[in-house]
Amino acid sequence: MRRLIETIVRRLSDRPDEARVTEGVEGHTLVYEISVPEPERGRLIGRDGRTVRAIRAFVGAAAAARGKRVTVRVRD
């Protein structure tokens, strides 16, 4: 799952080497936190949050197919 998120985030970024995805667990849910440089954050979030919602939906569907729960967050 982490590699999937990293691939998506790096394709969206002008500075892909600075994009980071960390993985953690909260209860029964996998939590992925995305860190990108400040100028890239707007592109990642998208207009009205559409891009990040699409990433969350895509990753959520992939996780559900494997019987897992996932949360994706963008770090400030």
Protein backbone atom coordinates (compact mmCIF):
# COMPACT_ATOMS: atom_id res chain seq x y z
CA MET A 1 0.00 0.00 0.00
CA ARG A 2 2.80 2.40 0.91
CA ARG A 3 4.49 1.99 -2.46
CA LEU A 4 1.18 2.70 -4.21
CA ILE A 5 0.74 5.97 -2.31
CA GLU A 6 4.37 6.96 -2.86
CA THR A 7 4.04 6.37 -6.60
CA ILE A 8 0.92 8.53 -6.83
CA VAL A 9 2.35 11.34 -4.70
CA ARG A 10 5.68 11.41 -6.55
CA ARG A 11 3.94 11.58 -9.93
CA LEU A 12 2.00 14.63 -8.75
CA SER A 13 5.04 16.42 -7.34
CA ASP A 14 7.59 18.63 -9.09
CA ARG A 15 10.09 17.56 -6.42
CA PRO A 16 9.43 13.81 -6.04
CA ASP A 17 12.58 13.16 -4.00
CA GLU A 18 11.22 15.31 -1.17
CA ALA A 19 7.89 13.47 -0.88
CA ARG A 20 7.66 11.12 2.11
CA VAL A 21 5.04 8.58 3.15
CA THR A 22 5.11 7.14 6.67
CA GLU A 23 3.09 4.19 7.88
CA GLY A 24 1.58 3.68 11.31
CA VAL A 25 -1.21 1.83 13.07
CA GLU A 26 -4.11 3.22 15.09
CA GLY A 27 -6.26 0.44 16.47
CA HIS A 28 -7.20 -1.78 13.53
CA THR A 29 -6.51 0.91 10.93
CA LEU A 30 -3.35 1.49 8.91
CA VAL A 31 -2.49 5.19 8.81
CA TYR A 32 -0.40 6.68 6.01
CA GLU A 33 0.88 10.23 6.42
CA ILE A 34 2.08 12.11 3.37
CA SER A 35 4.71 14.84 3.76
CA VAL A 36 5.53 17.13 0.85
CA PRO A 37 7.19 20.57 0.67
CA GLU A 38 4.87 23.52 1.30
CA PRO A 39 4.66 24.62 -2.37
CA GLU A 40 3.65 21.10 -3.40
CA ARG A 41 0.91 20.71 -0.80
CA GLY A 42 -1.66 22.65 -2.82
CA ARG A 43 -1.15 20.43 -5.84
CA LEU A 44 -1.48 17.31 -3.69
CA ILE A 45 -4.69 18.51 -2.05
CA GLY A 46 -6.18 19.87 -5.27
CA ARG A 47 -9.05 22.25 -5.84
CA ASP A 48 -11.57 21.82 -3.02
CA GLY A 49 -9.62 18.72 -1.88
CA ARG A 50 -10.55 16.69 -4.95
CA THR A 51 -7.11 15.20 -5.56
CA VAL A 52 -6.53 14.02 -2.00
CA ARG A 53 -10.09 12.64 -1.85
CA ALA A 54 -9.42 10.68 -5.03
CA ILE A 55 -6.20 9.29 -3.54
CA ARG A 56 -8.08 8.30 -0.37
CA ALA A 57 -10.84 6.62 -2.38
CA PHE A 58 -8.37 4.73 -4.56
CA VAL A 59 -6.25 3.54 -1.62
CA GLY A 60 -9.36 2.73 0.41
CA ALA A 61 -10.72 0.54 -2.38
CA ALA A 62 -7.39 -1.25 -2.76
CA ALA A 63 -7.26 -1.85 1.01
CA ALA A 64 -10.87 -3.05 1.17
CA ALA A 65 -10.11 -5.62 -1.50
CA ARG A 66 -7.51 -7.00 0.93
CA GLY A 67 -9.80 -6.76 3.95
CA LYS A 68 -7.95 -3.83 5.55
CA ARG A 69 -8.89 -0.34 6.74
CA VAL A 70 -6.75 2.60 5.73
CA THR A 71 -6.57 6.32 6.48
CA VAL A 72 -4.49 8.76 4.40
CA ARG A 73 -3.45 12.09 5.91
CA VAL A 74 -1.49 15.05 4.57
CA ARG A 75 0.90 16.45 7.16
CA ASP A 76 1.18 20.19 7.69
